[in-house]
Protein backbone atom coordinates (compact mmCIF):
# COMPACT_ATOMS: atom_id res chain seq x y z
CA MET A 1 -43.76 -189.40 115.55
CA ILE A 2 -40.70 -189.53 113.46
CA ASP A 3 -39.44 -192.43 115.17
CA LEU A 4 -42.70 -194.50 114.88
CA ALA A 5 -42.86 -193.62 111.02
CA MET A 6 -39.55 -194.86 110.51
CA ARG A 7 -40.12 -198.07 112.81
CA GLU A 8 -43.08 -198.78 110.68
CA ALA A 9 -41.19 -198.26 107.51
CA GLY A 10 -38.38 -200.69 108.73
CA ILE A 11 -35.79 -198.08 108.90
CA THR A 12 -33.64 -199.22 112.07
CA ARG A 13 -30.16 -197.83 111.38
CA ALA A 14 -31.31 -193.92 111.99
CA ARG A 15 -31.67 -192.19 114.97
CA THR A 16 -33.58 -188.76 115.81
CA VAL A 17 -31.93 -186.07 117.99
CA ALA A 18 -33.85 -183.11 119.24
CA ILE A 19 -31.58 -179.86 118.43
CA PRO A 20 -32.67 -176.41 120.04
CA ASP A 21 -32.00 -173.67 117.50
CA ILE A 22 -29.24 -171.49 118.95
CA HIS A 23 -29.70 -168.89 116.16
CA ASN A 24 -26.08 -168.50 115.55
CA HIS A 25 -24.91 -169.71 112.26
CA ALA A 26 -21.15 -169.23 113.20
CA ILE A 27 -21.33 -172.06 115.50
CA TRP A 28 -24.15 -174.04 114.43
CA ALA A 29 -22.32 -177.14 112.87
CA GLY A 30 -20.12 -177.53 115.87
CA TYR A 31 -23.06 -177.33 118.02
CA VAL A 32 -25.00 -180.25 116.20
CA VAL A 33 -21.65 -182.23 116.11
CA SER A 34 -21.44 -181.90 120.09
CA LEU A 35 -25.11 -183.13 120.40
CA CYS A 36 -25.09 -186.06 117.83
CA PRO A 37 -23.41 -189.58 117.71
CA PRO A 38 -20.74 -189.62 115.18
CA PHE A 39 -21.90 -188.96 111.28
CA ASP A 40 -20.93 -188.40 107.90
CA VAL A 41 -23.15 -187.17 105.79
CA VAL A 42 -25.82 -184.30 106.36
CA VAL A 43 -29.06 -184.63 104.48
CA ALA A 44 -30.92 -181.39 104.44
CA HIS A 45 -33.28 -179.28 102.31
CA ASN A 46 -32.44 -176.21 103.76
CA PRO A 47 -29.75 -174.22 101.79
CA VAL A 48 -28.33 -172.60 104.81
CA THR A 49 -27.84 -175.75 106.81
CA LEU A 50 -26.37 -177.37 103.46
CA GLU A 51 -23.89 -174.36 103.15
CA LEU A 52 -22.59 -174.51 106.96
CA PHE A 53 -21.87 -178.00 106.94
CA ARG A 54 -20.26 -178.08 103.60
CA GLU A 55 -17.94 -175.56 104.99
CA ALA A 56 -17.60 -177.45 108.19
CA GLY A 57 -15.99 -180.09 105.81
CA PHE A 58 -19.08 -182.60 105.75
CA GLU A 59 -20.44 -184.37 102.65
CA VAL A 60 -24.06 -182.76 102.50
CA ARG A 61 -26.93 -184.01 100.13
CA GLU A 62 -29.93 -181.93 99.29
CA VAL A 63 -33.15 -183.66 99.53
CA PRO A 64 -36.01 -182.07 97.57
CA LEU A 65 -39.27 -181.78 99.24
CA HIS A 66 -41.85 -184.45 98.29
CA SER A 67 -44.99 -183.06 97.21
CA ARG A 68 -45.02 -180.24 99.73
CA SER A 69 -48.33 -178.50 98.89
CA ARG A 70 -49.91 -182.01 99.87
CA TYR A 71 -47.75 -182.88 102.83
CA SER A 72 -47.43 -179.76 104.97
CA GLY A 73 -47.88 -179.90 108.68
CA THR A 74 -49.54 -176.81 108.21
CA ARG A 75 -52.31 -178.45 105.97
CA VAL A 76 -52.53 -181.36 108.16
CA ARG A 77 -53.19 -179.27 111.41
CA ARG A 78 -55.70 -177.00 109.52
CA LEU A 79 -57.59 -180.19 108.33
CA MET A 80 -57.87 -181.65 112.26
CA ALA A 81 -58.92 -178.26 113.39
CA GLY A 82 -61.60 -178.53 110.66
CA GLY A 83 -62.59 -182.15 111.57
CA ASP A 84 -61.61 -183.48 108.32
CA GLY A 85 -60.34 -187.06 108.55
CA ARG A 86 -58.49 -186.82 105.61
CA TRP A 87 -55.50 -185.45 107.63
CA GLU A 88 -55.15 -189.19 108.46
CA GLY A 89 -54.13 -190.21 104.88
CA LEU A 90 -51.08 -187.58 104.61
CA VAL A 91 -49.40 -189.17 107.76
CA PRO A 92 -47.75 -192.63 108.08
CA PRO A 93 -50.48 -195.02 109.57
CA ALA A 94 -48.36 -195.17 112.88
CA VAL A 95 -48.17 -191.38 113.23
CA ALA A 96 -52.13 -190.98 112.95
CA ARG A 97 -52.50 -193.90 115.49
CA TYR A 98 -50.38 -191.78 117.92
CA ILE A 99 -52.13 -188.58 117.17
CA SER A 100 -55.50 -190.07 117.74
CA ASP A 101 -54.36 -191.62 120.73
CA ILE A 102 -53.36 -188.69 122.54
CA ASP A 103 -56.32 -186.89 120.79
CA GLY A 104 -54.12 -184.59 118.79
CA ASP A 105 -56.97 -183.96 116.27
CA GLY A 106 -59.48 -183.09 119.27
CA ARG A 107 -56.96 -180.64 120.66
CA MET A 108 -56.42 -179.07 117.23
CA ARG A 109 -60.29 -178.50 116.92
CA ARG A 110 -60.41 -177.26 120.45
CA MET A 111 -57.86 -174.64 119.61
CA ALA A 112 -59.82 -173.69 116.23
CA GLU A 113 -62.87 -173.01 118.47
CA SER A 114 -60.84 -170.95 121.25
CA PRO A 115 -60.74 -167.01 120.81
CA ALA A 116 -56.94 -167.26 119.69
CA GLY A 117 -57.87 -169.67 116.94
CA VAL A 118 -55.37 -171.52 114.83
CA ALA A 119 -52.49 -169.65 113.11
CA PRO A 120 -53.41 -168.77 109.61
CA LEU A 121 -52.07 -170.66 106.82
CA HIS A 122 -49.66 -167.96 105.73
CA PRO A 123 -49.63 -165.15 107.94
CA GLN A 124 -49.16 -161.79 107.12
CA ARG A 125 -46.03 -160.15 108.55
CA ARG A 126 -46.62 -156.77 109.70
CA VAL A 127 -43.48 -154.40 110.23
CA HIS A 128 -43.95 -151.29 112.22
CA ARG A 129 -41.60 -148.50 111.88
CA ARG A 130 -41.05 -145.67 114.13
CA ARG A 131 -40.63 -142.12 112.48
CA HIS A 132 -37.65 -140.28 114.06
CA GLY A 133 -37.67 -136.44 114.53
C-alpha cells in the first residue's frame, strides 16, 4: 500500500523494505543496514530509532506525525468495521482502491461481527502479579 501511494504521488526515488523486528536495540541499526540498500539519512518518528541510528553515525531526521488523531490506522480500521465509508477519504486514492479490490473493508466488518471482534481503540493493559509466600 505504501508503494501504491508513493507511485500515485509521483515518488519514484524511494523504496520500501520490510524489516521484521528483532527486539534487540544493541544490534538494530546494523540489522537494518544489512537488509537495506545503501542509505545516508534515517527518517523516523520513533525516538529510540532516531537515537540508535544517531549513535551508529547516521544523519537522522525526525518527522512529526501529521494529524495523528485523524490519520490513524486504528481509526481507519474502526470506520471500515462499522461500515462507514469515510475511511476512504483518510487514505490515498490508490490505497482505497486496493483495499476495496481485496475486500479489506468487508473483512474488517466480518471481523467486527465475529465473536473475537476487533481490538478496542486503546486496550487496557492488565498486569497480573503473583504473591509469593
